[in-house]
PDB file of N, CA and C in Angstrom:
ATOM      1  N   UNK A   1     108.354 187.796 217.666  1.00  0.00           N
ATOM      2  CA  UNK A   1     108.947 186.555 218.125  1.00  0.00           C
ATOM      3  C   UNK A   1     107.920 185.707 218.867  1.00  0.00           C
ATOM      4  N   UNK A   2     107.070 186.368 219.655  1.00  0.00           N
ATOM      5  CA  UNK A   2     106.062 185.612 220.400  1.00  0.00           C
ATOM      6  C   UNK A   2     105.073 184.939 219.463  1.00  0.00           C
ATOM      7  N   UNK A   3     104.729 185.612 218.386  1.00  0.00           N
ATOM      8  CA  UNK A   3     103.796 185.019 217.423  1.00  0.00           C
ATOM      9  C   UNK A   3     104.391 183.765 216.800  1.00  0.00           C
ATOM     10  N   UNK A   4     105.666 183.829 216.451  1.00  0.00           N
ATOM     11  CA  UNK A   4     106.344 182.666 215.885  1.00  0.00           C
ATOM     12  C   UNK A   4     106.351 181.510 216.877  1.00  0.00           C
ATOM     13  N   UNK A   5     106.645 181.802 218.140  1.00  0.00           N
ATOM     14  CA  UNK A   5     106.669 180.750 219.157  1.00  0.00           C
ATOM     15  C   UNK A   5     105.283 180.156 219.384  1.00  0.00           C
ATOM     16  N   UNK A   6     104.250 181.002 219.352  1.00  0.00           N
ATOM     17  CA  UNK A   6     102.883 180.495 219.510  1.00  0.00           C
ATOM     18  C   UNK A   6     102.496 179.559 218.368  1.00  0.00           C
ATOM     19  N   UNK A   7     102.788 179.965 217.140  1.00  0.00           N
ATOM     20  CA  UNK A   7     102.461 179.110 215.997  1.00  0.00           C
ATOM     21  C   UNK A   7     103.294 177.830 216.005  1.00  0.00           C
ATOM     22  N   UNK A   8     104.544 177.943 216.420  1.00  0.00           N
ATOM     23  CA  UNK A   8     105.384 176.748 216.525  1.00  0.00           C
ATOM     24  C   UNK A   8     104.829 175.791 217.568  1.00  0.00           C
ATOM     25  N   UNK A   9     104.393 176.335 218.694  1.00  0.00           N
ATOM     26  CA  UNK A   9     103.805 175.501 219.740  1.00  0.00           C
ATOM     27  C   UNK A   9     102.523 174.827 219.294  1.00  0.00           C
ATOM     28  N   UNK A  10     101.691 175.567 218.564  1.00  0.00           N
ATOM     29  CA  UNK A  10     100.439 174.969 218.074  1.00  0.00           C
ATOM     30  C   UNK A  10     100.718 173.876 217.042  1.00  0.00           C
ATOM     31  N   UNK A  11     101.693 174.103 216.173  1.00  0.00           N
ATOM     32  CA  UNK A  11     102.057 173.075 215.194  1.00  0.00           C
ATOM     33  C   UNK A  11     102.613 171.838 215.895  1.00  0.00           C
ATOM     34  N   UNK A  12     103.385 172.060 216.936  1.00  0.00           N
ATOM     35  CA  UNK A  12     103.949 170.948 217.699  1.00  0.00           C
ATOM     36  C   UNK A  12     102.861 170.139 218.389  1.00  0.00           C
ATOM     37  N   UNK A  13     101.869 170.808 218.930  1.00  0.00           N
ATOM     38  CA  UNK A  13     100.748 170.106 219.566  1.00  0.00           C
ATOM     39  C   UNK A  13      99.986 169.286 218.531  1.00  0.00           C
ATOM     40  N   UNK A  14      99.806 169.819 217.334  1.00  0.00           N
ATOM     41  CA  UNK A  14      99.130 169.077 216.273  1.00  0.00           C
ATOM     42  C   UNK A  14      99.918 167.820 215.901  1.00  0.00           C
ATOM     43  N   UNK A  15     101.222 167.946 215.801  1.00  0.00           N
ATOM     44  CA  UNK A  15     102.063 166.792 215.494  1.00  0.00           C
ATOM     45  C   UNK A  15     102.018 165.778 216.638  1.00  0.00           C
ATOM     46  N   UNK A  16     101.960 166.262 217.869  1.00  0.00           N
ATOM     47  CA  UNK A  16     101.856 165.356 219.016  1.00  0.00           C
ATOM     48  C   UNK A  16     100.544 164.575 218.983  1.00  0.00           C
ATOM     49  N   UNK A  17      99.472 165.223 218.579  1.00  0.00           N
ATOM     50  CA  UNK A  17      98.176 164.536 218.484  1.00  0.00           C
ATOM     51  C   UNK A  17      98.248 163.430 217.436  1.00  0.00           C
ATOM     52  N   UNK A  18      98.914 163.698 216.316  1.00  0.00           N
ATOM     53  CA  UNK A  18      99.064 162.661 215.294  1.00  0.00           C
ATOM     54  C   UNK A  18      99.904 161.497 215.809  1.00  0.00           C
ATOM     55  N   UNK A  19     100.950 161.796 216.572  1.00  0.00           N
ATOM     56  CA  UNK A  19     101.770 160.728 217.144  1.00  0.00           C
ATOM     57  C   UNK A  19     100.983 159.913 218.161  1.00  0.00           C
ATOM     58  N   UNK A  20     100.158 160.583 218.969  1.00  0.00           N
ATOM     59  CA  UNK A  20      99.328 159.858 219.935  1.00  0.00           C
ATOM     60  C   UNK A  20      98.329 158.955 219.226  1.00  0.00           C
ATOM     61  N   UNK A  21      97.774 159.428 218.130  1.00  0.00           N
ATOM     62  CA  UNK A  21      96.847 158.602 217.353  1.00  0.00           C
ATOM     63  C   UNK A  21      97.548 157.335 216.869  1.00  0.00           C
ATOM     64  N   UNK A  22      98.777 157.493 216.400  1.00  0.00           N
ATOM     65  CA  UNK A  22      99.534 156.328 215.928  1.00  0.00           C
ATOM     66  C   UNK A  22      99.808 155.364 217.074  1.00  0.00           C
ATOM     67  N   UNK A  23     100.023 155.893 218.249  1.00  0.00           N
ATOM     68  CA  UNK A  23     100.252 155.029 219.399  1.00  0.00           C
ATOM     69  C   UNK A  23      99.012 154.276 219.828  1.00  0.00           C
ATOM     70  N   UNK A  24      97.864 154.908 219.697  1.00  0.00           N
ATOM     71  CA  UNK A  24      96.615 154.251 220.089  1.00  0.00           C
ATOM     72  C   UNK A  24      96.210 153.211 219.052  1.00  0.00           C
ATOM     73  N   UNK A  25      96.333 153.549 217.775  1.00  0.00           N
ATOM     74  CA  UNK A  25      95.883 152.667 216.706  1.00  0.00           C
ATOM     75  C   UNK A  25      96.956 151.650 216.310  1.00  0.00           C
ATOM     76  N   UNK A  26      98.215 151.984 216.563  1.00  0.00           N
ATOM     77  CA  UNK A  26      99.330 151.173 216.099  1.00  0.00           C
ATOM     78  C   UNK A  26      99.134 149.678 216.278  1.00  0.00           C
ATOM     79  N   UNK A  27      99.380 148.908 215.234  1.00  0.00           N
ATOM     80  CA  UNK A  27      99.115 147.478 215.329  1.00  0.00           C
ATOM     81  C   UNK A  27     100.148 146.709 216.146  1.00  0.00           C
ATOM     82  N   UNK A  28     101.346 147.236 216.307  1.00  0.00           N
ATOM     83  CA  UNK A  28     102.378 146.493 217.030  1.00  0.00           C
ATOM     84  C   UNK A  28     102.833 147.257 218.263  1.00  0.00           C
ATOM     85  N   UNK A  29     103.537 146.541 219.112  1.00  0.00           N
ATOM     86  CA  UNK A  29     104.098 147.143 220.318  1.00  0.00           C
ATOM     87  C   UNK A  29     105.153 148.181 219.946  1.00  0.00           C
ATOM     88  N   UNK A  30     105.909 147.909 218.899  1.00  0.00           N
ATOM     89  CA  UNK A  30     106.934 148.859 218.462  1.00  0.00           C
ATOM     90  C   UNK A  30     106.328 150.203 218.072  1.00  0.00           C
ATOM     91  N   UNK A  31     105.183 150.180 217.408  1.00  0.00           N
ATOM     92  CA  UNK A  31     104.508 151.434 217.051  1.00  0.00           C
ATOM     93  C   UNK A  31     104.172 152.236 218.294  1.00  0.00           C
ATOM     94  N   UNK A  32     103.713 151.568 219.311  1.00  0.00           N
ATOM     95  CA  UNK A  32     103.328 152.259 220.542  1.00  0.00           C
ATOM     96  C   UNK A  32     104.543 152.815 221.277  1.00  0.00           C
ATOM     97  N   UNK A  33     105.628 152.044 221.325  1.00  0.00           N
ATOM     98  CA  UNK A  33     106.839 152.524 222.001  1.00  0.00           C
ATOM     99  C   UNK A  33     107.423 153.722 221.261  1.00  0.00           C
ATOM    100  N   UNK A  34     107.475 153.653 219.951  1.00  0.00           N
ATOM    101  CA  UNK A  34     107.996 154.771 219.164  1.00  0.00           C
ATOM    102  C   UNK A  34     107.106 156.000 219.323  1.00  0.00           C
ATOM    103  N   UNK A  35     105.802 155.785 219.395  1.00  0.00           N
ATOM    104  CA  UNK A  35     104.871 156.901 219.587  1.00  0.00           C
ATOM    105  C   UNK A  35     105.092 157.584 220.933  1.00  0.00           C
ATOM    106  N   UNK A  36     105.265 156.786 221.979  1.00  0.00           N
ATOM    107  CA  UNK A  36     105.517 157.361 223.306  1.00  0.00           C
ATOM    108  C   UNK A  36     106.812 158.159 223.297  1.00  0.00           C
ATOM    109  N   UNK A  37     107.836 157.637 222.647  1.00  0.00           N
ATOM    110  CA  UNK A  37     109.111 158.342 222.575  1.00  0.00           C
ATOM    111  C   UNK A  37     108.976 159.643 221.783  1.00  0.00           C
ATOM    112  N   UNK A  38     108.249 159.606 220.683  1.00  0.00           N
ATOM    113  CA  UNK A  38     108.067 160.815 219.869  1.00  0.00           C
ATOM    114  C   UNK A  38     107.289 161.884 220.626  1.00  0.00           C
ATOM    115  N   UNK A  39     106.231 161.479 221.312  1.00  0.00           N
ATOM    116  CA  UNK A  39     105.444 162.448 222.084  1.00  0.00           C
ATOM    117  C   UNK A  39     106.296 163.038 223.206  1.00  0.00           C
ATOM    118  N   UNK A  40     107.095 162.208 223.849  1.00  0.00           N
ATOM    119  CA  UNK A  40     107.967 162.708 224.915  1.00  0.00           C
ATOM    120  C   UNK A  40     108.998 163.701 224.407  1.00  0.00           C
ATOM    121  N   UNK A  41     109.576 163.422 223.250  1.00  0.00           N
ATOM    122  CA  UNK A  41     110.566 164.336 222.674  1.00  0.00           C
ATOM    123  C   UNK A  41     109.929 165.667 222.282  1.00  0.00           C
ATOM    124  N   UNK A  42     108.747 165.600 221.733  1.00  0.00           N
ATOM    125  CA  UNK A  42     108.057 166.837 221.352  1.00  0.00           C
ATOM    126  C   UNK A  42     107.606 167.622 222.580  1.00  0.00           C
ATOM    127  N   UNK A  43     107.315 166.926 223.657  1.00  0.00           N
ATOM    128  CA  UNK A  43     106.951 167.603 224.900  1.00  0.00           C
ATOM    129  C   UNK A  43     108.125 168.406 225.443  1.00  0.00           C
ATOM    130  N   UNK A  44     109.322 167.864 225.307  1.00  0.00           N
ATOM    131  CA  UNK A  44     110.517 168.590 225.747  1.00  0.00           C
ATOM    132  C   UNK A  44     110.648 169.904 224.981  1.00  0.00           C
ATOM    133  N   UNK A  45     110.477 169.858 223.678  1.00  0.00           N
ATOM    134  CA  UNK A  45     110.570 171.076 222.864  1.00  0.00           C
ATOM    135  C   UNK A  45     109.450 172.044 223.229  1.00  0.00           C
ATOM    136  N   UNK A  46     108.252 171.510 223.465  1.00  0.00           N
ATOM    137  CA  UNK A  46     107.123 172.359 223.847  1.00  0.00           C
ATOM    138  C   UNK A  46     107.380 173.048 225.190  1.00  0.00           C
ATOM    139  N   UNK A  47     107.988 172.342 226.131  1.00  0.00           N
ATOM    140  CA  UNK A  47     108.327 172.960 227.420  1.00  0.00           C
ATOM    141  C   UNK A  47     109.310 174.118 227.241  1.00  0.00           C
ATOM    142  N   UNK A  48     110.270 173.940 226.358  1.00  0.00           N
ATOM    143  CA  UNK A  48     111.243 175.017 226.121  1.00  0.00           C
ATOM    144  C   UNK A  48     110.564 176.214 225.451  1.00  0.00           C
ATOM    145  N   UNK A  49     109.656 175.953 224.513  1.00  0.00           N
ATOM    146  CA  UNK A  49     108.911 177.055 223.878  1.00  0.00           C
ATOM    147  C   UNK A  49     108.083 177.801 224.919  1.00  0.00           C
ATOM    148  N   UNK A  50     107.423 177.063 225.810  1.00  0.00           N
ATOM    149  CA  UNK A  50     106.634 177.703 226.872  1.00  0.00           C
ATOM    150  C   UNK A  50     107.539 178.537 227.771  1.00  0.00           C
ATOM    151  N   UNK A  51     108.736 178.037 228.044  1.00  0.00           N
ATOM    152  CA  UNK A  51     109.685 178.799 228.845  1.00  0.00           C
ATOM    153  C   UNK A  51     110.055 180.122 228.206  1.00  0.00           C
ATOM    154  N   UNK A  52     110.263 180.112 226.895  1.00  0.00           N
ATOM    155  CA  UNK A  52     110.569 181.359 226.198  1.00  0.00           C
ATOM    156  C   UNK A  52     109.377 182.310 226.199  1.00  0.00           C
ATOM    157  N   UNK A  53     108.177 181.765 226.075  1.00  0.00           N
ATOM    158  CA  UNK A  53     106.989 182.623 226.078  1.00  0.00           C
ATOM    159  C   UNK A  53     106.785 183.305 227.430  1.00  0.00           C
ATOM    160  N   UNK A  54     107.047 182.579 228.513  1.00  0.00           N
ATOM    161  CA  UNK A  54     106.869 183.148 229.852  1.00  0.00           C
ATOM    162  C   UNK A  54     108.097 183.910 230.347  1.00  0.00           C
ATOM    163  N   UNK A  55     109.191 183.854 229.587  1.00  0.00           N
ATOM    164  CA  UNK A  55     110.403 184.545 230.004  1.00  0.00           C
ATOM    165  C   UNK A  55     111.133 183.856 231.143  1.00  0.00           C
ATOM    166  N   UNK A  56     110.899 182.575 231.328  1.00  0.00           N
ATOM    167  CA  UNK A  56     111.542 181.797 232.391  1.00  0.00           C
ATOM    168  C   UNK A  56     112.297 180.621 231.779  1.00  0.00           C
ATOM    169  N   UNK A  57     113.205 180.916 230.859  1.00  0.00           N
ATOM    170  CA  UNK A  57     113.925 179.863 230.158  1.00  0.00           C
ATOM    171  C   UNK A  57     114.684 178.954 231.111  1.00  0.00           C
ATOM    172  N   UNK A  58     115.300 179.555 232.146  1.00  0.00           N
ATOM    173  CA  UNK A  58     116.120 178.772 233.071  1.00  0.00           C
ATOM    174  C   UNK A  58     115.311 177.678 233.761  1.00  0.00           C
ATOM    175  N   UNK A  59     114.137 178.007 234.247  1.00  0.00           N
ATOM    176  CA  UNK A  59     113.317 177.037 234.959  1.00  0.00           C
ATOM    177  C   UNK A  59     112.773 175.970 234.004  1.00  0.00           C
ATOM    178  N   UNK A  60     112.257 176.385 232.863  1.00  0.00           N
ATOM    179  CA  UNK A  60     111.639 175.430 231.947  1.00  0.00           C
ATOM    180  C   UNK A  60     112.668 174.540 231.255  1.00  0.00           C
ATOM    181  N   UNK A  61     113.881 175.037 231.043  1.00  0.00           N
ATOM    182  CA  UNK A  61     114.924 174.186 230.462  1.00  0.00           C
ATOM    183  C   UNK A  61     115.301 173.089 231.447  1.00  0.00           C
ATOM    184  N   UNK A  62     115.386 173.414 232.728  1.00  0.00           N
ATOM    185  CA  UNK A  62     115.669 172.392 233.739  1.00  0.00           C
ATOM    186  C   UNK A  62     114.571 171.335 233.780  1.00  0.00           C
ATOM    187  N   UNK A  63     113.331 171.773 233.729  1.00  0.00           N
ATOM    188  CA  UNK A  63     112.206 170.830 233.724  1.00  0.00           C
ATOM    189  C   UNK A  63     112.248 169.977 232.458  1.00  0.00           C
ATOM    190  N   UNK A  64     112.560 170.594 231.327  1.00  0.00           N
ATOM    191  CA  UNK A  64     112.613 169.857 230.065  1.00  0.00           C
ATOM    192  C   UNK A  64     113.729 168.815 230.075  1.00  0.00           C
ATOM    193  N   UNK A  65     114.878 169.155 230.637  1.00  0.00           N
ATOM    194  CA  UNK A  65     115.975 168.188 230.719  1.00  0.00           C
ATOM    195  C   UNK A  65     115.614 167.008 231.612  1.00  0.00           C
ATOM    196  N   UNK A  66     114.993 167.291 232.742  1.00  0.00           N
ATOM    197  CA  UNK A  66     114.567 166.208 233.636  1.00  0.00           C
ATOM    198  C   UNK A  66     113.531 165.325 232.944  1.00  0.00           C
ATOM    199  N   UNK A  67     112.599 165.932 232.238  1.00  0.00           N
ATOM    200  CA  UNK A  67     111.577 165.164 231.524  1.00  0.00           C
ATOM    201  C   UNK A  67     112.200 164.337 230.402  1.00  0.00           C
ATOM    202  N   UNK A  68     113.198 164.879 229.715  1.00  0.00           N
ATOM    203  CA  UNK A  68     113.861 164.143 228.638  1.00  0.00           C
ATOM    204  C   UNK A  68     114.575 162.913 229.183  1.00  0.00           C
ATOM    205  N   UNK A  69     115.250 163.066 230.319  1.00  0.00           N
ATOM    206  CA  UNK A  69     115.917 161.907 230.922  1.00  0.00           C
ATOM    207  C   UNK A  69     114.907 160.857 231.358  1.00  0.00           C
ATOM    208  N   UNK A  70     113.815 161.294 231.957  1.00  0.00           N
ATOM    209  CA  UNK A  70     112.767 160.371 232.384  1.00  0.00           C
ATOM    210  C   UNK A  70     112.145 159.660 231.180  1.00  0.00           C
ATOM    211  N   UNK A  71     111.904 160.381 230.110  1.00  0.00           N
ATOM    212  CA  UNK A  71     111.353 159.792 228.892  1.00  0.00           C
ATOM    213  C   UNK A  71     112.301 158.749 228.315  1.00  0.00           C
ATOM    214  N   UNK A  72     113.580 159.063 228.266  1.00  0.00           N
ATOM    215  CA  UNK A  72     114.571 158.141 227.717  1.00  0.00           C
ATOM    216  C   UNK A  72     114.621 156.852 228.529  1.00  0.00           C
ATOM    217  N   UNK A  73     114.668 156.975 229.841  1.00  0.00           N
ATOM    218  CA  UNK A  73     114.731 155.794 230.704  1.00  0.00           C
ATOM    219  C   UNK A  73     113.447 154.977 230.597  1.00  0.00           C
ATOM    220  N   UNK A  74     112.308 155.639 230.540  1.00  0.00           N
ATOM    221  CA  UNK A  74     111.030 154.924 230.445  1.00  0.00           C
ATOM    222  C   UNK A  74     110.919 154.152 229.132  1.00  0.00           C
ATOM    223  N   UNK A  75     111.349 154.743 228.033  1.00  0.00           N
ATOM    224  CA  UNK A  75     111.271 154.056 226.746  1.00  0.00           C
ATOM    225  C   UNK A  75     112.231 152.874 226.715  1.00  0.00           C
ATOM    226  N   UNK A  76     113.421 153.043 227.269  1.00  0.00           N
ATOM    227  CA  UNK A  76     114.353 151.918 227.337  1.00  0.00           C
ATOM    228  C   UNK A  76     113.799 150.789 228.195  1.00  0.00           C
ATOM    229  N   UNK A  77     113.206 151.127 229.322  1.00  0.00           N
ATOM    230  CA  UNK A  77     112.632 150.105 230.199  1.00  0.00           C
ATOM    231  C   UNK A  77     111.478 149.383 229.517  1.00  0.00           C
ATOM    232  N   UNK A  78     110.620 150.113 228.836  1.00  0.00           N
ATOM    233  CA  UNK A  78     109.492 149.485 228.141  1.00  0.00           C
ATOM    234  C   UNK A  78     109.982 148.582 227.014  1.00  0.00           C
ATOM    235  N   UNK A  79     110.964 149.042 226.262  1.00  0.00           N
ATOM    236  CA  UNK A  79     111.493 148.231 225.169  1.00  0.00           C
ATOM    237  C   UNK A  79     112.131 146.952 225.699  1.00  0.00           C
ATOM    238  N   UNK A  80     112.885 147.073 226.775  1.00  0.00           N
ATOM    239  CA  UNK A  80     113.523 145.886 227.358  1.00  0.00           C
ATOM    240  C   UNK A  80     112.475 144.918 227.894  1.00  0.00           C
ATOM    241  N   UNK A  81     111.447 145.438 228.542  1.00  0.00           N
ATOM    242  CA  UNK A  81     110.387 144.593 229.086  1.00  0.00           C
ATOM    243  C   UNK A  81     109.682 143.825 227.968  1.00  0.00           C
ATOM    244  N   UNK A  82     109.274 144.529 226.935  1.00  0.00           N
ATOM    245  CA  UNK A  82     108.548 143.858 225.857  1.00  0.00           C
ATOM    246  C   UNK A  82     109.443 142.935 225.050  1.00  0.00           C
ATOM    247  N   UNK A  83     110.728 143.242 224.980  1.00  0.00           N
ATOM    248  CA  UNK A  83     111.648 142.359 224.273  1.00  0.00           C
ATOM    249  C   UNK A  83     111.784 141.035 225.012  1.00  0.00           C
ATOM    250  N   UNK A  84     111.872 141.099 226.343  1.00  0.00           N
ATOM    251  CA  UNK A  84     112.047 139.872 227.123  1.00  0.00           C
ATOM    252  C   UNK A  84     110.741 139.121 227.325  1.00  0.00           C
ATOM    253  N   UNK A  85     109.655 139.823 227.584  1.00  0.00           N
ATOM    254  CA  UNK A  85     108.387 139.168 227.920  1.00  0.00           C
ATOM    255  C   UNK A  85     107.584 138.740 226.701  1.00  0.00           C
ATOM    256  N   UNK A  86     107.293 139.669 225.849  1.00  0.00           N
ATOM    257  CA  UNK A  86     106.411 139.386 224.715  1.00  0.00           C
ATOM    258  C   UNK A  86     107.165 139.238 223.410  1.00  0.00           C
ATOM    259  N   UNK A  87     108.302 139.818 223.342  1.00  0.00           N
ATOM    260  CA  UNK A  87     109.068 139.801 222.103  1.00  0.00           C
ATOM    261  C   UNK A  87     108.685 140.961 221.206  1.00  0.00           C
ATOM    262  N   UNK A  88     109.691 141.623 220.691  1.00  0.00           N
ATOM    263  CA  UNK A  88     109.453 142.731 219.769  1.00  0.00           C
ATOM    264  C   UNK A  88     109.638 142.279 218.326  1.00  0.00           C
ATOM    265  N   UNK A  89     109.602 140.982 218.114  1.00  0.00           N
ATOM    266  CA  UNK A  89     109.732 140.483 216.762  1.00  0.00           C
ATOM    267  C   UNK A  89     108.511 140.896 215.965  1.00  0.00           C
ATOM    268  N   UNK A  90     108.639 140.757 214.674  1.00  0.00           N
ATOM    269  CA  UNK A  90     107.535 141.187 213.815  1.00  0.00           C
ATOM    270  C   UNK A  90     106.332 140.275 214.000  1.00  0.00           C
ATOM    271  N   UNK A  91     105.200 140.802 213.657  1.00  0.00           N
ATOM    272  CA  UNK A  91     103.953 140.047 213.740  1.00  0.00           C
ATOM    273  C   UNK A  91     103.964 138.951 212.677  1.00  0.00           C
ATOM    274  N   UNK A  92     103.169 137.909 212.866  1.00  0.00           N
ATOM    275  CA  UNK A  92     103.106 136.861 211.844  1.00  0.00           C
ATOM    276  C   UNK A  92     102.689 137.441 210.498  1.00  0.00           C
ATOM    277  N   UNK A  93     103.398 137.017 209.459  1.00  0.00           N
ATOM    278  CA  UNK A  93     103.084 137.505 208.124  1.00  0.00           C
ATOM    279  C   UNK A  93     103.896 138.714 207.714  1.00  0.00           C
ATOM    280  N   UNK A  94     104.615 139.323 208.653  1.00  0.00           N
ATOM    281  CA  UNK A  94     105.447 140.473 208.333  1.00  0.00           C
ATOM    282  C   UNK A  94     106.892 140.022 208.264  1.00  0.00           C
ATOM    283  N   UNK A  95     107.672 140.681 207.430  1.00  0.00           N
ATOM    284  CA  UNK A  95     109.084 140.357 207.313  1.00  0.00           C
ATOM    285  C   UNK A  95     109.904 141.385 208.056  1.00  0.00           C
ATOM    286  N   UNK A  96     110.692 140.925 209.007  1.00  0.00           N
ATOM    287  CA  UNK A  96     111.614 141.826 209.682  1.00  0.00           C
ATOM    288  C   UNK A  96     112.963 141.728 208.986  1.00  0.00           C
ATOM    289  N   UNK A  97     113.892 142.590 209.343  1.00  0.00           N
ATOM    290  CA  UNK A  97     115.210 142.568 208.722  1.00  0.00           C
ATOM    291  C   UNK A  97     115.941 141.275 209.021  1.00  0.00           C
ATOM    292  N   UNK A  98     115.824 140.767 210.257  1.00  0.00           N
ATOM    293  CA  UNK A  98     116.520 139.532 210.604  1.00  0.00           C
ATOM    294  C   UNK A  98     115.949 138.345 209.841  1.00  0.00           C
ATOM    295  N   UNK A  99     114.631 138.297 209.670  1.00  0.00           N
ATOM    296  CA  UNK A  99     114.041 137.181 208.931  1.00  0.00           C
ATOM    297  C   UNK A  99     114.397 137.263 207.450  1.00  0.00           C
ATOM    298  N   UNK A 100     114.545 138.472 206.921  1.00  0.00           N
ATOM    299  CA  UNK A 100     114.951 138.614 205.528  1.00  0.00           C
ATOM    300  C   UNK A 100     116.381 138.142 205.323  1.00  0.00           C
ATOM    301  N   UNK A 101     117.274 138.460 206.269  1.00  0.00           N
ATOM    302  CA  UNK A 101     118.661 138.016 206.135  1.00  0.00           C
ATOM    303  C   UNK A 101     118.765 136.505 206.297  1.00  0.00           C
ATOM    304  N   UNK A 102     117.962 135.916 207.189  1.00  0.00           N
ATOM    305  CA  UNK A 102     117.960 134.460 207.339  1.00  0.00           C
ATOM    306  C   UNK A 102     117.445 133.792 206.070  1.00  0.00           C
ATOM    307  N   UNK A 103     116.461 134.394 205.449  1.00  0.00           N
ATOM    308  CA  UNK A 103     115.900 133.853 204.214  1.00  0.00           C
ATOM    309  C   UNK A 103     116.935 133.889 203.095  1.00  0.00           C
ATOM    310  N   UNK A 104     117.728 134.948 203.021  1.00  0.00           N
ATOM    311  CA  UNK A 104     118.781 135.046 202.009  1.00  0.00           C
ATOM    312  C   UNK A 104     119.836 133.974 202.219  1.00  0.00           C
ATOM    313  N   UNK A 105     120.191 133.715 203.503  1.00  0.00           N
ATOM    314  CA  UNK A 105     121.200 132.702 203.798  1.00  0.00           C
ATOM    315  C   UNK A 105     120.714 131.313 203.401  1.00  0.00           C
ATOM    316  N   UNK A 106     119.449 131.030 203.603  1.00  0.00           N
ATOM    317  CA  UNK A 106     118.907 129.722 203.236  1.00  0.00           C
ATOM    318  C   UNK A 106     118.921 129.516 201.725  1.00  0.00           C
ATOM    319  N   UNK A 107     118.652 130.575 200.985  1.00  0.00           N
ATOM    320  CA  UNK A 107     118.618 130.460 199.527  1.00  0.00           C
ATOM    321  C   UNK A 107     120.013 130.308 198.935  1.00  0.00           C
ATOM    322  N   UNK A 108     121.011 130.870 199.591  1.00  0.00           N
ATOM    323  CA  UNK A 108     122.380 130.853 199.050  1.00  0.00           C
ATOM    324  C   UNK A 108     123.075 129.531 199.252  1.00  0.00           C
TER     325      UNK A 108
END
């Protein structure tokens, strides 16, 4: 069981590195916000795996729950901030769902 948890943890860290890369390189603010949320969610799972490895599930689950709530609130705050200040609309030249629906209405 420990071997499975170790390999799962290593795979999770690899996936987290890929998500961090997307957040650093991401061309839009939305890419970065989604990357932060994905890394935070994977960190919660990694904390629980570490708890099982150390035999302290009770302590690490509490830490993981607190971290999950903090991650959720932080992502909501960042999304709200960028929506109001900079706008989370698509970049020039890109089609968002709202612009596509407006375009359909104009043609009809």
